[in-house]
Amino acid sequence: MALHKIKKGDMVKIIAGKDKDKEGKVIAVNTKDKKVVVEGVNMVTKHSKPSAQNQAGGIINKEAPIDSSNVMYLHKGKPTRIGVKMDGDKKVRFAKATGDIID
């Protein structure tokens, strides 16, 4: 299985699609479908019936998943690719543009 380099909490820039050039924080990652949910990006309108949690029901705006190939990690405000290398006995992510270790 391929390694997913974008993680929850990362700041990313959208590089393709209707929200191109927008930036946001990753809320959720779906590794099975290779999709991410980014805060304030790819907004969709959902119609919900009244329920116990939402008594009024109505129209709700929420973020929809976007393919992970359409986002790029932001390091120090600039988009960069991410690589993985061994640091001692543990794997760490690093920004390919600068070589800095991310986590």
PDB file of N, CA and C in Angstrom:
ATOM      1  N   MET A   1       0.844  -1.188   0.000  1.00  0.00           N
ATOM      2  CA  MET A   1       0.000   0.000   0.000  1.00  0.00           C
ATOM      3  C   MET A   1       0.884   1.246   0.000  1.00  0.00           C
ATOM      4  N   ALA A   2       0.481   2.232  -0.748  1.00  0.00           N
ATOM      5  CA  ALA A   2       1.272   3.460  -0.873  1.00  0.00           C
ATOM      6  C   ALA A   2       1.241   4.261   0.429  1.00  0.00           C
ATOM      7  N   LEU A   3       2.318   4.972   0.684  1.00  0.00           N
ATOM      8  CA  LEU A   3       2.412   5.805   1.865  1.00  0.00           C
ATOM      9  C   LEU A   3       1.669   7.113   1.626  1.00  0.00           C
ATOM     10  N   HIS A   4       0.827   7.512   2.581  1.00  0.00           N
ATOM     11  CA  HIS A   4       0.085   8.760   2.452  1.00  0.00           C
ATOM     12  C   HIS A   4       0.866   9.847   3.168  1.00  0.00           C
ATOM     13  N   LYS A   5       1.305  10.834   2.429  1.00  0.00           N
ATOM     14  CA  LYS A   5       2.207  11.834   2.967  1.00  0.00           C
ATOM     15  C   LYS A   5       1.487  13.026   3.579  1.00  0.00           C
ATOM     16  N   ILE A   6       0.203  13.216   3.264  1.00  0.00           N
ATOM     17  CA  ILE A   6      -0.592  14.289   3.864  1.00  0.00           C
ATOM     18  C   ILE A   6      -1.290  13.720   5.100  1.00  0.00           C
ATOM     19  N   LYS A   7      -1.197  14.463   6.205  1.00  0.00           N
ATOM     20  CA  LYS A   7      -1.803  14.005   7.450  1.00  0.00           C
ATOM     21  C   LYS A   7      -2.785  15.046   7.977  1.00  0.00           C
ATOM     22  N   LYS A   8      -3.627  14.613   8.895  1.00  0.00           N
ATOM     23  CA  LYS A   8      -4.593  15.495   9.545  1.00  0.00           C
ATOM     24  C   LYS A   8      -3.848  16.613  10.268  1.00  0.00           C
ATOM     25  N   GLY A   9      -4.316  17.854  10.076  1.00  0.00           N
ATOM     26  CA  GLY A   9      -3.684  19.005  10.725  1.00  0.00           C
ATOM     27  C   GLY A   9      -2.683  19.730   9.850  1.00  0.00           C
ATOM     28  N   ASP A  10      -2.288  19.148   8.713  1.00  0.00           N
ATOM     29  CA  ASP A  10      -1.343  19.799   7.792  1.00  0.00           C
ATOM     30  C   ASP A  10      -2.007  20.972   7.085  1.00  0.00           C
ATOM     31  N   MET A  11      -1.230  22.014   6.802  1.00  0.00           N
ATOM     32  CA  MET A  11      -1.698  23.112   5.956  1.00  0.00           C
ATOM     33  C   MET A  11      -1.377  22.747   4.515  1.00  0.00           C
ATOM     34  N   VAL A  12      -2.379  22.844   3.636  1.00  0.00           N
ATOM     35  CA  VAL A  12      -2.189  22.460   2.243  1.00  0.00           C
ATOM     36  C   VAL A  12      -2.711  23.546   1.310  1.00  0.00           C
ATOM     37  N   LYS A  13      -2.242  23.497   0.067  1.00  0.00           N
ATOM     38  CA  LYS A  13      -2.708  24.388  -0.985  1.00  0.00           C
ATOM     39  C   LYS A  13      -3.350  23.525  -2.058  1.00  0.00           C
ATOM     40  N   ILE A  14      -4.500  23.973  -2.571  1.00  0.00           N
ATOM     41  CA  ILE A  14      -5.193  23.245  -3.629  1.00  0.00           C
ATOM     42  C   ILE A  14      -4.525  23.613  -4.952  1.00  0.00           C
ATOM     43  N   ILE A  15      -4.115  22.610  -5.733  1.00  0.00           N
ATOM     44  CA  ILE A  15      -3.389  22.875  -6.972  1.00  0.00           C
ATOM     45  C   ILE A  15      -4.209  22.565  -8.218  1.00  0.00           C
ATOM     46  N   ALA A  16      -5.434  22.030  -8.046  1.00  0.00           N
ATOM     47  CA  ALA A  16      -6.271  21.718  -9.209  1.00  0.00           C
ATOM     48  C   ALA A  16      -7.738  21.741  -8.798  1.00  0.00           C
ATOM     49  N   GLY A  17      -8.600  22.016  -9.763  1.00  0.00           N
ATOM     50  CA  GLY A  17     -10.036  21.991  -9.509  1.00  0.00           C
ATOM     51  C   GLY A  17     -10.615  23.375  -9.331  1.00  0.00           C
ATOM     52  N   LYS A  18     -11.893  23.398  -8.932  1.00  0.00           N
ATOM     53  CA  LYS A  18     -12.614  24.677  -8.838  1.00  0.00           C
ATOM     54  C   LYS A  18     -12.081  25.583  -7.726  1.00  0.00           C
ATOM     55  N   ASP A  19     -11.418  25.017  -6.729  1.00  0.00           N
ATOM     56  CA  ASP A  19     -10.887  25.800  -5.612  1.00  0.00           C
ATOM     57  C   ASP A  19      -9.376  25.993  -5.711  1.00  0.00           C
ATOM     58  N   LYS A  20      -8.846  25.976  -6.921  1.00  0.00           N
ATOM     59  CA  LYS A  20      -7.407  26.106  -7.137  1.00  0.00           C
ATOM     60  C   LYS A  20      -6.862  27.370  -6.461  1.00  0.00           C
ATOM     61  N   ASP A  21      -5.684  27.267  -5.869  1.00  0.00           N
ATOM     62  CA  ASP A  21      -4.955  28.332  -5.173  1.00  0.00           C
ATOM     63  C   ASP A  21      -5.514  28.672  -3.797  1.00  0.00           C
ATOM     64  N   LYS A  22      -6.534  27.976  -3.319  1.00  0.00           N
ATOM     65  CA  LYS A  22      -7.006  28.178  -1.956  1.00  0.00           C
ATOM     66  C   LYS A  22      -6.129  27.376  -1.005  1.00  0.00           C
ATOM     67  N   GLU A  23      -6.072  27.833   0.251  1.00  0.00           N
ATOM     68  CA  GLU A  23      -5.279  27.152   1.258  1.00  0.00           C
ATOM     69  C   GLU A  23      -6.166  26.813   2.438  1.00  0.00           C
ATOM     70  N   GLY A  24      -5.826  25.749   3.142  1.00  0.00           N
ATOM     71  CA  GLY A  24      -6.611  25.364   4.306  1.00  0.00           C
ATOM     72  C   GLY A  24      -5.948  24.243   5.080  1.00  0.00           C
ATOM     73  N   LYS A  25      -6.557  23.925   6.212  1.00  0.00           N
ATOM     74  CA  LYS A  25      -6.050  22.893   7.101  1.00  0.00           C
ATOM     75  C   LYS A  25      -6.787  21.584   6.820  1.00  0.00           C
ATOM     76  N   VAL A  26      -6.062  20.478   6.832  1.00  0.00           N
ATOM     77  CA  VAL A  26      -6.667  19.172   6.585  1.00  0.00           C
ATOM     78  C   VAL A  26      -7.455  18.756   7.829  1.00  0.00           C
ATOM     79  N   ILE A  27      -8.753  18.481   7.626  1.00  0.00           N
ATOM     80  CA  ILE A  27      -9.631  18.072   8.724  1.00  0.00           C
ATOM     81  C   ILE A  27      -9.628  16.561   8.876  1.00  0.00           C
ATOM     82  N   ALA A  28      -9.659  15.846   7.734  1.00  0.00           N
ATOM     83  CA  ALA A  28      -9.731  14.384   7.765  1.00  0.00           C
ATOM     84  C   ALA A  28      -9.010  13.807   6.561  1.00  0.00           C
ATOM     85  N   VAL A  29      -8.500  12.583   6.723  1.00  0.00           N
ATOM     86  CA  VAL A  29      -7.818  11.881   5.638  1.00  0.00           C
ATOM     87  C   VAL A  29      -8.451  10.504   5.500  1.00  0.00           C
ATOM     88  N   ASN A  30      -8.841  10.145   4.274  1.00  0.00           N
ATOM     89  CA  ASN A  30      -9.365   8.819   3.990  1.00  0.00           C
ATOM     90  C   ASN A  30      -8.301   8.080   3.186  1.00  0.00           C
ATOM     91  N   THR A  31      -7.529   7.224   3.848  1.00  0.00           N
ATOM     92  CA  THR A  31      -6.417   6.557   3.183  1.00  0.00           C
ATOM     93  C   THR A  31      -6.891   5.520   2.171  1.00  0.00           C
ATOM     94  N   LYS A  32      -8.050   4.916   2.409  1.00  0.00           N
ATOM     95  CA  LYS A  32      -8.558   3.895   1.496  1.00  0.00           C
ATOM     96  C   LYS A  32      -8.897   4.491   0.129  1.00  0.00           C
ATOM     97  N   ASP A  33      -9.571   5.645   0.112  1.00  0.00           N
ATOM     98  CA  ASP A  33      -9.984   6.295  -1.138  1.00  0.00           C
ATOM     99  C   ASP A  33      -8.997   7.347  -1.618  1.00  0.00           C
ATOM    100  N   LYS A  34      -7.901   7.570  -0.849  1.00  0.00           N
ATOM    101  CA  LYS A  34      -6.892   8.586  -1.164  1.00  0.00           C
ATOM    102  C   LYS A  34      -7.516   9.975  -1.302  1.00  0.00           C
ATOM    103  N   LYS A  35      -8.367  10.340  -0.339  1.00  0.00           N
ATOM    104  CA  LYS A  35      -9.037  11.639  -0.353  1.00  0.00           C
ATOM    105  C   LYS A  35      -8.785  12.357   0.966  1.00  0.00           C
ATOM    106  N   VAL A  36      -8.834  13.687   0.897  1.00  0.00           N
ATOM    107  CA  VAL A  36      -8.687  14.506   2.095  1.00  0.00           C
ATOM    108  C   VAL A  36      -9.829  15.516   2.157  1.00  0.00           C
ATOM    109  N   VAL A  37     -10.173  15.930   3.367  1.00  0.00           N
ATOM    110  CA  VAL A  37     -11.167  16.974   3.570  1.00  0.00           C
ATOM    111  C   VAL A  37     -10.411  18.188   4.087  1.00  0.00           C
ATOM    112  N   VAL A  38     -10.526  19.314   3.362  1.00  0.00           N
ATOM    113  CA  VAL A  38      -9.802  20.535   3.710  1.00  0.00           C
ATOM    114  C   VAL A  38     -10.804  21.584   4.171  1.00  0.00           C
ATOM    115  N   GLU A  39     -10.451  22.285   5.247  1.00  0.00           N
ATOM    116  CA  GLU A  39     -11.314  23.290   5.858  1.00  0.00           C
ATOM    117  C   GLU A  39     -11.640  24.421   4.875  1.00  0.00           C
ATOM    118  N   GLY A  40     -12.930  24.650   4.614  1.00  0.00           N
ATOM    119  CA  GLY A  40     -13.368  25.759   3.767  1.00  0.00           C
ATOM    120  C   GLY A  40     -13.176  25.550   2.283  1.00  0.00           C
ATOM    121  N   VAL A  41     -12.874  24.330   1.848  1.00  0.00           N
ATOM    122  CA  VAL A  41     -12.615  24.049   0.434  1.00  0.00           C
ATOM    123  C   VAL A  41     -13.581  22.969  -0.048  1.00  0.00           C
ATOM    124  N   ASN A  42     -14.005  23.063  -1.310  1.00  0.00           N
ATOM    125  CA  ASN A  42     -14.915  22.099  -1.939  1.00  0.00           C
ATOM    126  C   ASN A  42     -16.223  22.010  -1.159  1.00  0.00           C
ATOM    127  N   MET A  43     -16.812  23.178  -0.905  1.00  0.00           N
ATOM    128  CA  MET A  43     -18.054  23.251  -0.141  1.00  0.00           C
ATOM    129  C   MET A  43     -19.220  22.726  -0.977  1.00  0.00           C
ATOM    130  N   VAL A  44     -20.070  21.909  -0.345  1.00  0.00           N
ATOM    131  CA  VAL A  44     -21.258  21.377  -0.996  1.00  0.00           C
ATOM    132  C   VAL A  44     -22.464  21.669  -0.128  1.00  0.00           C
ATOM    133  N   THR A  45     -23.648  21.653  -0.729  1.00  0.00           N
ATOM    134  CA  THR A  45     -24.894  21.902  -0.018  1.00  0.00           C
ATOM    135  C   THR A  45     -25.576  20.574   0.237  1.00  0.00           C
ATOM    136  N   LYS A  46     -25.896  20.297   1.502  1.00  0.00           N
ATOM    137  CA  LYS A  46     -26.589  19.071   1.872  1.00  0.00           C
ATOM    138  C   LYS A  46     -27.963  19.433   2.418  1.00  0.00           C
ATOM    139  N   HIS A  47     -28.978  18.682   2.010  1.00  0.00           N
ATOM    140  CA  HIS A  47     -30.328  18.861   2.529  1.00  0.00           C
ATOM    141  C   HIS A  47     -30.552  17.787   3.585  1.00  0.00           C
ATOM    142  N   SER A  48     -30.854  18.219   4.814  1.00  0.00           N
ATOM    143  CA  SER A  48     -31.006  17.242   5.887  1.00  0.00           C
ATOM    144  C   SER A  48     -32.417  17.264   6.448  1.00  0.00           C
ATOM    145  N   LYS A  49     -32.902  16.075   6.760  1.00  0.00           N
ATOM    146  CA  LYS A  49     -34.213  15.940   7.401  1.00  0.00           C
ATOM    147  C   LYS A  49     -34.072  16.285   8.874  1.00  0.00           C
ATOM    148  N   PRO A  50     -35.137  16.696   9.510  1.00  0.00           N
ATOM    149  CA  PRO A  50     -35.077  16.909  10.952  1.00  0.00           C
ATOM    150  C   PRO A  50     -34.746  15.597  11.679  1.00  0.00           C
ATOM    151  N   SER A  51     -33.873  15.680  12.683  1.00  0.00           N
ATOM    152  CA  SER A  51     -33.489  14.499  13.456  1.00  0.00           C
ATOM    153  C   SER A  51     -33.307  14.913  14.908  1.00  0.00           C
ATOM    154  N   ALA A  52     -32.891  13.982  15.732  1.00  0.00           N
ATOM    155  CA  ALA A  52     -32.684  14.281  17.148  1.00  0.00           C
ATOM    156  C   ALA A  52     -31.576  15.318  17.337  1.00  0.00           C
ATOM    157  N   GLN A  53     -30.505  15.224  16.533  1.00  0.00           N
ATOM    158  CA  GLN A  53     -29.407  16.174  16.664  1.00  0.00           C
ATOM    159  C   GLN A  53     -29.747  17.523  16.030  1.00  0.00           C
ATOM    160  N   ASN A  54     -30.447  17.500  14.910  1.00  0.00           N
ATOM    161  CA  ASN A  54     -30.784  18.718  14.171  1.00  0.00           C
ATOM    162  C   ASN A  54     -32.299  18.775  14.013  1.00  0.00           C
ATOM    163  N   GLN A  55     -32.980  19.388  14.997  1.00  0.00           N
ATOM    164  CA  GLN A  55     -34.441  19.388  14.992  1.00  0.00           C
ATOM    165  C   GLN A  55     -35.032  20.184  13.838  1.00  0.00           C
ATOM    166  N   ALA A  56     -34.346  21.231  13.424  1.00  0.00           N
ATOM    167  CA  ALA A  56     -34.881  22.083  12.363  1.00  0.00           C
ATOM    168  C   ALA A  56     -34.705  21.456  10.984  1.00  0.00           C
ATOM    169  N   GLY A  57     -33.646  20.696  10.789  1.00  0.00           N
ATOM    170  CA  GLY A  57     -33.365  20.187   9.451  1.00  0.00           C
ATOM    171  C   GLY A  57     -32.909  21.334   8.569  1.00  0.00           C
ATOM    172  N   GLY A  58     -33.097  21.227   7.256  1.00  0.00           N
ATOM    173  CA  GLY A  58     -32.789  22.327   6.362  1.00  0.00           C
ATOM    174  C   GLY A  58     -31.539  22.100   5.527  1.00  0.00           C
ATOM    175  N   ILE A  59     -30.981  23.198   5.036  1.00  0.00           N
ATOM    176  CA  ILE A  59     -29.848  23.146   4.120  1.00  0.00           C
ATOM    177  C   ILE A  59     -28.561  23.434   4.903  1.00  0.00           C
ATOM    178  N   ILE A  60     -27.577  22.564   4.727  1.00  0.00           N
ATOM    179  CA  ILE A  60     -26.302  22.684   5.443  1.00  0.00           C
ATOM    180  C   ILE A  60     -25.171  22.753   4.432  1.00  0.00           C
ATOM    181  N   ASN A  61     -24.232  23.697   4.622  1.00  0.00           N
ATOM    182  CA  ASN A  61     -23.023  23.752   3.796  1.00  0.00           C
ATOM    183  C   ASN A  61     -21.917  23.025   4.539  1.00  0.00           C
ATOM    184  N   LYS A  62     -21.232  22.110   3.839  1.00  0.00           N
ATOM    185  CA  LYS A  62     -20.139  21.374   4.468  1.00  0.00           C
ATOM    186  C   LYS A  62     -19.071  21.053   3.443  1.00  0.00           C
ATOM    187  N   GLU A  63     -17.882  20.671   3.947  1.00  0.00           N
ATOM    188  CA  GLU A  63     -16.765  20.338   3.073  1.00  0.00           C
ATOM    189  C   GLU A  63     -16.912  18.916   2.546  1.00  0.00           C
ATOM    190  N   ALA A  64     -16.599  18.743   1.277  1.00  0.00           N
ATOM    191  CA  ALA A  64     -16.605  17.415   0.668  1.00  0.00           C
ATOM    192  C   ALA A  64     -15.157  16.973   0.453  1.00  0.00           C
ATOM    193  N   PRO A  65     -14.922  15.667   0.360  1.00  0.00           N
ATOM    194  CA  PRO A  65     -13.552  15.187   0.143  1.00  0.00           C
ATOM    195  C   PRO A  65     -13.007  15.613  -1.219  1.00  0.00           C
ATOM    196  N   ILE A  66     -11.705  15.807  -1.277  1.00  0.00           N
ATOM    197  CA  ILE A  66     -11.007  16.162  -2.516  1.00  0.00           C
ATOM    198  C   ILE A  66      -9.855  15.166  -2.664  1.00  0.00           C
ATOM    199  N   ASP A  67      -9.522  14.816  -3.893  1.00  0.00           N
ATOM    200  CA  ASP A  67      -8.463  13.831  -4.112  1.00  0.00           C
ATOM    201  C   ASP A  67      -7.132  14.362  -3.583  1.00  0.00           C
ATOM    202  N   SER A  68      -6.369  13.490  -2.942  1.00  0.00           N
ATOM    203  CA  SER A  68      -5.111  13.928  -2.321  1.00  0.00           C
ATOM    204  C   SER A  68      -4.071  14.355  -3.355  1.00  0.00           C
ATOM    205  N   SER A  69      -4.248  13.948  -4.623  1.00  0.00           N
ATOM    206  CA  SER A  69      -3.308  14.372  -5.663  1.00  0.00           C
ATOM    207  C   SER A  69      -3.508  15.840  -6.035  1.00  0.00           C
ATOM    208  N   ASN A  70      -4.634  16.428  -5.620  1.00  0.00           N
ATOM    209  CA  ASN A  70      -4.938  17.818  -5.940  1.00  0.00           C
ATOM    210  C   ASN A  70      -4.535  18.779  -4.835  1.00  0.00           C
ATOM    211  N   VAL A  71      -3.842  18.297  -3.811  1.00  0.00           N
ATOM    212  CA  VAL A  71      -3.366  19.177  -2.738  1.00  0.00           C
ATOM    213  C   VAL A  71      -1.858  19.052  -2.609  1.00  0.00           C
ATOM    214  N   MET A  72      -1.237  20.138  -2.136  1.00  0.00           N
ATOM    215  CA  MET A  72       0.204  20.161  -1.953  1.00  0.00           C
ATOM    216  C   MET A  72       0.501  20.734  -0.568  1.00  0.00           C
ATOM    217  N   TYR A  73       1.428  20.120   0.130  1.00  0.00           N
ATOM    218  CA  TYR A  73       1.790  20.534   1.481  1.00  0.00           C
ATOM    219  C   TYR A  73       2.406  21.936   1.464  1.00  0.00           C
ATOM    220  N   LEU A  74       2.036  22.766   2.450  1.00  0.00           N
ATOM    221  CA  LEU A  74       2.610  24.111   2.584  1.00  0.00           C
ATOM    222  C   LEU A  74       3.666  24.088   3.680  1.00  0.00           C
ATOM    223  N   HIS A  75       4.894  24.452   3.299  1.00  0.00           N
ATOM    224  CA  HIS A  75       5.994  24.535   4.266  1.00  0.00           C
ATOM    225  C   HIS A  75       6.535  25.954   4.245  1.00  0.00           C
ATOM    226  N   LYS A  76       6.383  26.653   5.360  1.00  0.00           N
ATOM    227  CA  LYS A  76       6.795  28.060   5.472  1.00  0.00           C
ATOM    228  C   LYS A  76       6.112  28.912   4.401  1.00  0.00           C
ATOM    229  N   GLY A  77       4.833  28.622   4.144  1.00  0.00           N
ATOM    230  CA  GLY A  77       4.037  29.418   3.210  1.00  0.00           C
ATOM    231  C   GLY A  77       4.214  29.080   1.746  1.00  0.00           C
ATOM    232  N   LYS A  78       5.072  28.114   1.421  1.00  0.00           N
ATOM    233  CA  LYS A  78       5.299  27.750   0.025  1.00  0.00           C
ATOM    234  C   LYS A  78       4.952  26.280  -0.186  1.00  0.00           C
ATOM    235  N   PRO A  79       4.300  25.956  -1.318  1.00  0.00           N
ATOM    236  CA  PRO A  79       3.969  24.554  -1.579  1.00  0.00           C
ATOM    237  C   PRO A  79       5.218  23.739  -1.888  1.00  0.00           C
ATOM    238  N   THR A  80       5.266  22.540  -1.371  1.00  0.00           N
ATOM    239  CA  THR A  80       6.406  21.657  -1.598  1.00  0.00           C
ATOM    240  C   THR A  80       5.950  20.210  -1.620  1.00  0.00           C
ATOM    241  N   ARG A  81       6.737  19.383  -2.281  1.00  0.00           N
ATOM    242  CA  ARG A  81       6.492  17.950  -2.230  1.00  0.00           C
ATOM    243  C   ARG A  81       7.061  17.417  -0.924  1.00  0.00           C
ATOM    244  N   ILE A  82       6.614  16.238  -0.544  1.00  0.00           N
ATOM    245  CA  ILE A  82       7.055  15.636   0.710  1.00  0.00           C
ATOM    246  C   ILE A  82       7.776  14.335   0.403  1.00  0.00           C
ATOM    247  N   GLY A  83       8.912  14.141   1.060  1.00  0.00           N
ATOM    248  CA  GLY A  83       9.642  12.892   0.970  1.00  0.00           C
ATOM    249  C   GLY A  83       9.685  12.227   2.328  1.00  0.00           C
ATOM    250  N   VAL A  84      10.083  10.967   2.339  1.00  0.00           N
ATOM    251  CA  VAL A  84      10.194  10.231   3.587  1.00  0.00           C
ATOM    252  C   VAL A  84      11.606   9.668   3.666  1.00  0.00           C
ATOM    253  N   LYS A  85      12.241   9.847   4.828  1.00  0.00           N
ATOM    254  CA  LYS A  85      13.574   9.289   5.022  1.00  0.00           C
ATOM    255  C   LYS A  85      13.703   8.775   6.443  1.00  0.00           C
ATOM    256  N   MET A  86      14.741   8.000   6.652  1.00  0.00           N
ATOM    257  CA  MET A  86      14.983   7.441   7.976  1.00  0.00           C
ATOM    258  C   MET A  86      15.839   8.425   8.788  1.00  0.00           C
ATOM    259  N   ASP A  87      15.394   8.701  10.005  1.00  0.00           N
ATOM    260  CA  ASP A  87      16.154   9.525  10.935  1.00  0.00           C
ATOM    261  C   ASP A  87      16.466   8.640  12.132  1.00  0.00           C
ATOM    262  N   GLY A  88      17.631   8.023  12.089  1.00  0.00           N
ATOM    263  CA  GLY A  88      17.952   7.019  13.104  1.00  0.00           C
ATOM    264  C   GLY A  88      17.168   5.757  12.787  1.00  0.00           C
ATOM    265  N   ASP A  89      16.251   5.392  13.686  1.00  0.00           N
ATOM    266  CA  ASP A  89      15.449   4.192  13.457  1.00  0.00           C
ATOM    267  C   ASP A  89      13.982   4.518  13.195  1.00  0.00           C
ATOM    268  N   LYS A  90      13.684   5.800  12.913  1.00  0.00           N
ATOM    269  CA  LYS A  90      12.291   6.160  12.683  1.00  0.00           C
ATOM    270  C   LYS A  90      12.125   6.928  11.386  1.00  0.00           C
ATOM    271  N   LYS A  91      10.969   6.728  10.731  1.00  0.00           N
ATOM    272  CA  LYS A  91      10.677   7.412   9.476  1.00  0.00           C
ATOM    273  C   LYS A  91      10.198   8.825   9.768  1.00  0.00           C
ATOM    274  N   VAL A  92      10.692   9.794   9.016  1.00  0.00           N
ATOM    275  CA  VAL A  92      10.246  11.178   9.163  1.00  0.00           C
ATOM    276  C   VAL A  92       9.923  11.748   7.792  1.00  0.00           C
ATOM    277  N   ARG A  93       8.986  12.695   7.773  1.00  0.00           N
ATOM    278  CA  ARG A  93       8.667  13.396   6.529  1.00  0.00           C
ATOM    279  C   ARG A  93       9.571  14.616   6.416  1.00  0.00           C
ATOM    280  N   PHE A  94       9.956  14.966   5.178  1.00  0.00           N
ATOM    281  CA  PHE A  94      10.753  16.161   4.978  1.00  0.00           C
ATOM    282  C   PHE A  94      10.277  16.893   3.741  1.00  0.00           C
ATOM    283  N   ALA A  95      10.458  18.221   3.741  1.00  0.00           N
ATOM    284  CA  ALA A  95      10.074  19.052   2.605  1.00  0.00           C
ATOM    285  C   ALA A  95      11.164  18.935   1.556  1.00  0.00           C
ATOM    286  N   LYS A  96      10.800  18.540   0.337  1.00  0.00           N
ATOM    287  CA  LYS A  96      11.799  18.345  -0.714  1.00  0.00           C
ATOM    288  C   LYS A  96      12.399  19.670  -1.179  1.00  0.00           C
ATOM    289  N   ALA A  97      11.656  20.782  -1.067  1.00  0.00           N
ATOM    290  CA  ALA A  97      12.158  22.071  -1.513  1.00  0.00           C
ATOM    291  C   ALA A  97      13.303  22.566  -0.637  1.00  0.00           C
ATOM    292  N   THR A  98      13.198  22.349   0.677  1.00  0.00           N
ATOM    293  CA  THR A  98      14.200  22.875   1.604  1.00  0.00           C
ATOM    294  C   THR A  98      15.032  21.799   2.266  1.00  0.00           C
ATOM    295  N   GLY A  99      14.504  20.584   2.340  1.00  0.00           N
ATOM    296  CA  GLY A  99      15.195  19.517   3.056  1.00  0.00           C
ATOM    297  C   GLY A  99      14.904  19.499   4.545  1.00  0.00           C
ATOM    298  N   ASP A 100      14.074  20.427   5.033  1.00  0.00           N
ATOM    299  CA  ASP A 100      13.736  20.499   6.450  1.00  0.00           C
ATOM    300  C   ASP A 100      12.841  19.333   6.856  1.00  0.00           C
ATOM    301  N   ILE A 101      13.050  18.824   8.059  1.00  0.00           N
ATOM    302  CA  ILE A 101      12.209  17.757   8.585  1.00  0.00           C
ATOM    303  C   ILE A 101      10.895  18.365   9.079  1.00  0.00           C
ATOM    304  N   ILE A 102       9.784  17.737   8.695  1.00  0.00           N
ATOM    305  CA  ILE A 102       8.464  18.254   9.052  1.00  0.00           C
ATOM    306  C   ILE A 102       8.042  17.730  10.414  1.00  0.00           C
ATOM    307  N   ASP A 103       8.146  16.404  10.611  1.00  0.00           N
ATOM    308  CA  ASP A 103       7.772  15.846  11.917  1.00  0.00           C
ATOM    309  C   ASP A 103       8.585  14.607  12.219  1.00  0.00           C
TER     310      ASP A 103
END
